[in-house]
Amino acid sequence: MNDVAKVIQLHDPQADARRRSIPQRLSAPRPVTSLVEHRAAVTPPAAQSLSGLVRGTLGKSITKTADFARRRLSGDYQVDEFGFDEHLLTSVVLPALRPLSNLWFRVEVSRMENIPEAGGALIVANHAGTVPIDGLMLQLAVHDRHPKQRVLRLLAADLVFEMPVLGAAARRAGHTLACREDAERLLRSGELAGVFPEGFKGVGKQYADRYKLQRFGRGGFVAAAVRTGVPIIPCSIVGSEEIYPKLADLKPLARLLGLPYFPVTPLFPHLGALGAVPLPSKWYIEFGAPIPTDAYEPEAADDPMTMFEVTDQVRETIQHTLYKLLTKRRNVFTG
């Protein structure tokens, strides 16, 4: 009897032939052709986007720094008769202030449309804070939030320009003396000027008197506006009173140092440099409706009663708006 062995095929010859017909390149791993592709293959999408953002930000920063250095070295910038260097302001000063405004004080601005797009105008604001940071925050707000990015030229006290470093820096940033001649020259040339009529009485008042406007001087700012025919724009700032709550004044030390006051706050001077850090209060800046002055004759600037009436109107407008903003605010630090 012849036994025929049964062969069990473990592989299908036809299937093997079909598999062999498939191009090897479809099953072979794709070679990594560069280090960049390799990093992209092993880096998660979120990390890739973050890395790209960092590289982009760093690249822009390097480009801006190089452009700034090139323009400074080549003299490709202008300084006006007041010493204002707009290139320095927009490239160095304002960028340095933005983190303080956007992240620390979280400044909110309303009714920016009341500031004209061109021509002279005088912004009149309340002054506070022990250290006059409000002027810088106001200048930054006008530049960054106005559709034409207008530069606000602040009228500051003599003491600012008598300080060796601060005085030169203030002029470079566009500020000048709070005197009638400089104010009128700025307004006639179509500039946007800003003034704080309370002066040191406002910026150095006690915390118990916060948001209570002090006397507005003799109305010199109104006279400058009337002589040049520009509108007056009331401005109310809430938040500046809480950055350095002034509890007392060391007058003997202030006289010794030649300062209008030497403040004592909850953190200064007993905490030293740490006490100089402003508290992160929430800020609001609102611009009121312009008060026109072109209906007055220039001679009206010499009439004390007329100047008093307009000054009182501006002061009452600012005070009323301060109270309105304060009633809406629930918390000093969160708004």
Protein backbone atom coordinates (compact mmCIF):
# COMPACT_ATOMS: atom_id res chain seq x y z
CA MET A 1 0.00 0.00 0.00
CA ASN A 2 1.49 3.22 -1.06
CA ASP A 3 0.94 6.04 1.41
CA VAL A 4 1.00 9.50 -0.11
CA ALA A 5 2.15 12.12 2.33
CA LYS A 6 -0.18 15.14 2.61
CA VAL A 7 1.72 18.34 2.42
CA ILE A 8 0.25 21.26 4.39
CA GLN A 9 1.32 24.57 2.80
CA LEU A 10 2.24 27.20 5.36
CA HIS A 11 2.44 29.99 2.77
CA ASP A 12 0.27 30.82 -0.19
CA PRO A 13 2.57 31.18 -3.19
CA GLN A 14 0.11 33.52 -4.88
CA ALA A 15 -0.15 35.74 -1.81
CA ASP A 16 3.63 35.84 -1.49
CA ALA A 17 3.86 36.91 -5.11
CA ARG A 18 1.35 39.71 -4.53
CA ARG A 19 3.25 40.96 -1.51
CA ARG A 20 6.51 40.95 -3.43
CA SER A 21 4.90 43.10 -6.12
CA ILE A 22 4.22 45.98 -3.63
CA PRO A 23 6.97 48.61 -3.96
CA GLN A 24 9.38 48.46 -1.11
CA ARG A 25 9.34 52.26 -0.70
CA LEU A 26 5.78 52.17 0.66
CA SER A 27 6.74 50.01 3.61
CA ALA A 28 10.22 51.38 4.23
CA PRO A 29 10.55 54.10 6.94
CA ARG A 30 10.90 57.66 5.63
CA PRO A 31 14.47 58.81 6.20
CA VAL A 32 14.99 62.00 8.21
CA THR A 33 16.75 64.34 5.83
CA SER A 34 17.63 67.15 8.28
CA LEU A 35 18.04 67.98 11.94
CA VAL A 36 15.12 70.41 11.72
CA GLU A 37 12.78 67.67 10.45
CA HIS A 38 13.98 65.33 13.18
CA ARG A 39 13.23 67.91 15.90
CA ALA A 40 9.82 68.60 14.38
CA ALA A 41 9.05 64.86 14.35
CA VAL A 42 9.80 64.37 18.02
CA THR A 43 8.48 67.74 19.34
CA PRO A 44 4.78 67.97 20.37
CA PRO A 45 2.66 70.53 18.42
CA ALA A 46 2.21 72.77 21.48
CA ALA A 47 5.95 72.89 22.08
CA GLN A 48 6.53 73.61 18.39
CA SER A 49 4.15 76.61 18.49
CA LEU A 50 5.71 77.92 21.71
CA SER A 51 9.19 77.53 20.27
CA GLY A 52 8.14 79.37 17.12
CA LEU A 53 6.58 82.16 19.18
CA VAL A 54 9.76 82.58 21.23
CA ARG A 55 11.94 82.62 18.12
CA GLY A 56 9.62 85.14 16.45
CA THR A 57 9.53 87.43 19.48
CA LEU A 58 13.28 87.21 19.92
CA GLY A 59 13.81 87.91 16.23
CA LYS A 60 11.59 90.99 16.34
CA SER A 61 13.35 92.25 19.46
CA ILE A 62 16.76 91.87 17.85
CA THR A 63 15.54 93.61 14.70
CA LYS A 64 14.10 96.54 16.65
CA THR A 65 17.24 96.89 18.75
CA ALA A 66 19.45 96.86 15.67
CA ASP A 67 17.24 99.44 13.94
CA PHE A 68 17.26 101.67 17.03
CA ALA A 69 21.06 101.49 17.29
CA ARG A 70 21.45 102.20 13.58
CA ARG A 71 19.25 105.30 13.72
CA ARG A 72 20.94 106.63 16.85
CA LEU A 73 24.43 106.13 15.43
CA SER A 74 23.55 107.61 12.05
CA GLY A 75 21.67 110.56 13.55
CA ASP A 76 18.44 109.55 11.77
CA TYR A 77 16.15 111.20 14.33
CA GLN A 78 14.96 114.69 15.22
CA VAL A 79 14.79 116.78 18.38
CA ASP A 80 12.42 119.76 18.47
CA GLU A 81 12.93 123.15 20.12
CA PHE A 82 11.72 121.80 23.48
CA GLY A 83 14.19 118.92 23.42
CA PHE A 84 11.57 116.32 22.47
CA ASP A 85 12.98 113.14 20.88
CA GLU A 86 10.03 111.20 19.48
CA HIS A 87 12.20 108.30 18.31
CA LEU A 88 13.49 107.78 21.84
CA LEU A 89 9.96 108.08 23.28
CA THR A 90 8.38 105.47 21.01
CA SER A 91 11.37 103.10 20.98
CA VAL A 92 12.47 103.14 24.62
CA VAL A 93 10.25 105.11 27.03
CA LEU A 94 6.78 103.88 26.06
CA PRO A 95 7.78 100.21 25.64
CA ALA A 96 9.27 100.32 29.15
CA LEU A 97 5.97 101.66 30.54
CA ARG A 98 3.64 99.17 28.82
CA PRO A 99 4.15 96.23 31.21
CA LEU A 100 3.40 98.51 34.15
CA SER A 101 0.24 99.79 32.48
CA ASN A 102 -1.05 96.57 30.90
CA LEU A 103 -0.02 93.96 33.47
CA TRP A 104 0.34 95.76 36.81
CA PHE A 105 -2.27 98.56 36.76
CA ARG A 106 -4.41 97.00 33.98
CA VAL A 107 -5.43 100.46 32.76
CA GLU A 108 -8.83 100.78 31.09
CA VAL A 109 -9.48 103.84 28.92
CA SER A 110 -12.88 105.15 27.83
CA ARG A 111 -14.22 107.91 25.56
CA MET A 112 -10.98 108.32 23.64
CA GLU A 113 -13.07 109.73 20.80
CA ASN A 114 -13.23 113.03 22.72
CA ILE A 115 -9.57 113.68 21.85
CA PRO A 116 -9.35 115.26 18.36
CA GLU A 117 -7.41 113.47 15.67
CA ALA A 118 -5.45 116.61 14.79
CA GLY A 119 -4.86 120.14 16.04
CA GLY A 120 -4.14 121.60 19.42
CA ALA A 121 -6.05 120.58 22.54
CA LEU A 122 -5.45 120.79 26.29
CA ILE A 123 -6.12 117.73 28.50
CA VAL A 124 -6.73 118.67 32.15
CA ALA A 125 -6.56 115.82 34.68
CA ASN A 126 -6.59 115.17 38.41
CA HIS A 127 -3.20 114.48 39.99
CA ALA A 128 -2.41 111.92 42.70
CA GLY A 129 -0.32 109.00 43.79
CA THR A 130 2.52 110.43 45.96
CA VAL A 131 4.83 109.68 43.00
CA PRO A 132 3.40 111.22 39.78
CA ILE A 133 3.18 108.02 37.77
CA ASP A 134 -0.26 109.09 36.53
CA GLY A 135 1.28 111.49 34.02
CA LEU A 136 3.27 108.69 32.38
CA MET A 137 0.27 106.35 32.32
CA LEU A 138 -1.82 109.11 30.74
CA GLN A 139 0.78 109.77 28.04
CA LEU A 140 1.01 106.06 27.24
CA ALA A 141 -2.79 105.66 27.15
CA VAL A 142 -3.21 108.52 24.67
CA HIS A 143 -0.47 107.22 22.40
CA ASP A 144 -1.54 103.57 22.40
CA ARG A 145 -5.34 103.97 22.38
CA HIS A 146 -5.77 106.98 20.09
CA PRO A 147 -6.35 106.06 16.43
CA LYS A 148 -3.63 108.52 15.37
CA GLN A 149 -1.26 107.57 18.21
CA ARG A 150 -0.96 111.19 19.28
CA VAL A 151 1.86 112.25 21.59
CA LEU A 152 0.77 113.96 24.81
CA ARG A 153 3.13 116.77 25.86
CA LEU A 154 2.84 117.17 29.62
CA LEU A 155 3.37 120.51 31.39
CA ALA A 156 5.39 119.72 34.52
CA ALA A 157 6.57 121.63 37.59
CA ASP A 158 9.94 123.39 37.77
CA LEU A 159 11.23 120.83 40.28
CA VAL A 160 11.14 118.09 37.63
CA PHE A 161 13.50 119.96 35.31
CA GLU A 162 15.84 121.01 38.12
CA MET A 163 16.81 117.38 38.76
CA PRO A 164 19.96 116.44 36.80
CA VAL A 165 18.87 113.17 35.19
CA LEU A 166 15.08 113.37 35.47
CA GLY A 167 14.90 116.83 33.91
CA ALA A 168 16.77 115.82 30.76
CA ALA A 169 14.76 112.61 30.46
CA ALA A 170 11.48 114.53 30.82
CA ARG A 171 12.40 116.90 28.00
CA ARG A 172 13.43 113.99 25.78
CA ALA A 173 10.04 112.39 26.46
CA GLY A 174 8.24 115.52 25.22
CA HIS A 175 7.45 117.39 28.44
CA THR A 176 8.14 121.02 29.25
CA LEU A 177 7.66 123.66 31.94
CA ALA A 178 4.15 124.40 33.14
CA CYS A 179 4.38 128.05 32.16
CA ARG A 180 2.10 130.16 29.96
CA GLU A 181 4.68 130.76 27.22
CA ASP A 182 5.53 127.09 26.67
CA ALA A 183 1.90 126.02 26.90
CA GLU A 184 0.79 128.53 24.27
CA ARG A 185 3.63 127.65 21.92
CA LEU A 186 2.71 123.97 22.06
CA LEU A 187 -1.01 124.60 21.54
CA ARG A 188 -0.51 127.05 18.68
CA SER A 189 1.70 124.53 16.90
CA GLY A 190 -1.14 121.98 17.00
CA GLU A 191 0.25 119.81 19.80
CA LEU A 192 -1.77 117.88 22.37
CA ALA A 193 -0.77 119.21 25.80
CA GLY A 194 -1.63 117.92 29.26
CA VAL A 195 -1.72 119.70 32.61
CA PHE A 196 -2.42 118.80 36.24
CA PRO A 197 -3.67 122.02 37.87
CA GLU A 198 -3.58 120.56 41.40
CA GLY A 199 0.22 120.35 41.21
CA PHE A 200 2.00 119.02 44.29
CA LYS A 201 -1.10 119.70 46.40
CA GLY A 202 -2.84 116.92 44.52
CA VAL A 203 -0.06 114.41 44.09
CA GLY A 204 1.02 114.68 47.74
CA LYS A 205 -2.32 114.76 49.55
CA GLN A 206 -3.15 112.37 52.36
CA TYR A 207 -4.84 109.05 51.65
CA ALA A 208 -7.85 110.19 53.67
CA ASP A 209 -8.38 112.96 51.08
CA ARG A 210 -8.16 110.70 48.05
CA TYR A 211 -10.17 111.71 44.98
CA LYS A 212 -11.05 115.07 46.52
CA LEU A 213 -9.75 117.64 44.05
CA GLN A 214 -7.52 120.35 45.46
CA ARG A 215 -7.62 123.97 44.32
CA PHE A 216 -6.90 124.48 40.60
CA GLY A 217 -4.52 127.39 40.98
CA ARG A 218 -5.42 130.66 39.25
CA GLY A 219 -6.72 129.20 36.01
CA GLY A 220 -3.56 129.74 33.97
CA PHE A 221 -4.31 126.66 31.88
CA VAL A 222 -7.69 128.11 30.88
CA ALA A 223 -6.05 131.37 29.82
CA ALA A 224 -3.61 129.47 27.58
CA ALA A 225 -6.49 127.58 25.96
CA VAL A 226 -8.54 130.75 25.43
CA ARG A 227 -5.62 132.64 23.88
CA THR A 228 -4.98 129.83 21.42
CA GLY A 229 -8.64 128.89 20.87
CA VAL A 230 -8.17 125.16 21.54
CA PRO A 231 -10.66 122.91 23.36
CA ILE A 232 -10.18 121.82 26.96
CA ILE A 233 -10.68 118.08 27.58
CA PRO A 234 -11.40 117.10 31.22
CA CYS A 235 -9.77 113.81 32.22
CA SER A 236 -10.53 111.71 35.30
CA ILE A 237 -8.10 109.08 36.60
CA VAL A 238 -9.11 106.48 39.20
CA GLY A 239 -6.58 104.06 40.66
CA SER A 240 -3.62 106.39 41.09
CA GLU A 241 -4.55 107.29 44.67
CA GLU A 242 -3.90 103.75 45.93
CA ILE A 243 -0.45 103.00 44.52
CA TYR A 244 1.34 104.72 47.44
CA PRO A 245 -1.22 105.47 50.18
CA LYS A 246 0.27 108.48 51.96
CA LEU A 247 -0.34 108.26 55.71
CA ALA A 248 2.03 110.97 56.97
CA ASP A 249 4.57 113.54 55.85
CA LEU A 250 8.07 113.93 57.33
CA LYS A 251 8.31 117.68 56.73
CA PRO A 252 11.74 118.27 58.35
CA LEU A 253 13.26 115.61 56.11
CA ALA A 254 11.44 117.01 53.09
CA ARG A 255 12.89 120.50 53.75
CA LEU A 256 16.35 119.01 54.15
CA LEU A 257 16.11 117.26 50.80
CA GLY A 258 14.42 120.18 49.04
CA LEU A 259 11.27 118.19 48.31
CA PRO A 260 7.64 119.33 48.60
CA TYR A 261 6.95 116.42 50.96
CA PHE A 262 8.51 113.17 52.21
CA PRO A 263 5.77 110.53 52.33
CA VAL A 264 5.20 107.75 54.81
CA THR A 265 3.18 104.88 53.35
CA PRO A 266 2.31 101.40 54.69
CA LEU A 267 5.50 100.08 53.05
CA PHE A 268 7.82 103.10 52.80
CA PRO A 269 10.35 103.99 54.16
CA HIS A 270 10.61 101.14 56.68
CA LEU A 271 10.75 98.45 53.96
CA GLY A 272 13.35 100.33 51.95
CA ALA A 273 13.46 99.62 48.23
CA LEU A 274 10.59 97.14 48.54
CA GLY A 275 8.40 99.98 49.74
CA ALA A 276 9.02 101.80 46.47
CA VAL A 277 7.07 99.16 44.52
CA PRO A 278 3.61 100.60 43.73
CA LEU A 279 0.57 98.63 44.80
CA PRO A 280 -1.24 96.96 41.85
CA SER A 281 -4.44 99.00 41.94
CA LYS A 282 -6.89 98.81 39.05
CA TRP A 283 -6.88 102.00 36.93
CA TYR A 284 -9.59 103.75 34.92
CA ILE A 285 -9.02 106.77 32.68
CA GLU A 286 -12.00 108.59 31.17
CA PHE A 287 -11.92 111.61 28.86
CA GLY A 288 -14.83 114.03 29.09
CA ALA A 289 -16.52 115.99 26.35
CA PRO A 290 -14.37 118.85 25.01
CA ILE A 291 -15.10 122.31 26.39
CA PRO A 292 -14.68 124.76 23.48
CA THR A 293 -12.90 128.07 24.00
CA ASP A 294 -12.97 129.49 20.47
CA ALA A 295 -16.15 131.44 21.29
CA TYR A 296 -14.13 133.70 23.61
CA GLU A 297 -12.08 136.61 22.40
CA PRO A 298 -8.35 136.35 23.23
CA GLU A 299 -8.79 139.35 25.55
CA ALA A 300 -11.10 137.25 27.73
CA ALA A 301 -7.98 135.47 29.00
CA ASP A 302 -7.25 138.59 31.05
CA ASP A 303 -10.69 138.61 32.69
CA PRO A 304 -10.39 136.87 36.11
CA MET A 305 -14.12 136.17 36.40
CA THR A 306 -14.34 134.48 33.01
CA MET A 307 -11.27 132.38 33.76
CA PHE A 308 -12.71 131.40 37.14
CA GLU A 309 -16.01 130.29 35.58
CA VAL A 310 -14.33 128.07 32.98
CA THR A 311 -11.88 126.70 35.55
CA ASP A 312 -14.73 125.83 37.89
CA GLN A 313 -16.59 124.10 35.03
CA VAL A 314 -13.55 121.94 34.25
CA ARG A 315 -12.98 121.11 37.91
CA GLU A 316 -16.60 120.15 38.55
CA THR A 317 -16.64 117.94 35.45
CA ILE A 318 -13.56 116.03 36.60
CA GLN A 319 -14.83 115.69 40.18
CA HIS A 320 -18.26 114.44 39.06
CA THR A 321 -16.65 111.83 36.78
CA LEU A 322 -14.35 110.66 39.58
CA TYR A 323 -17.34 110.02 41.82
CA LYS A 324 -19.12 108.19 39.00
CA LEU A 325 -16.13 105.91 38.37
CA LEU A 326 -15.70 105.25 42.09
CA THR A 327 -19.32 104.14 42.49
CA LYS A 328 -18.81 101.56 39.73
CA ARG A 329 -15.60 100.21 41.26
CA ARG A 330 -16.15 97.31 43.67
CA ASN A 331 -12.56 96.61 44.68
CA VAL A 332 -9.39 98.73 44.66
CA PHE A 333 -7.28 95.97 43.15
CA THR A 334 -9.68 93.93 41.04
CA GLY A 335 -11.93 96.73 39.81
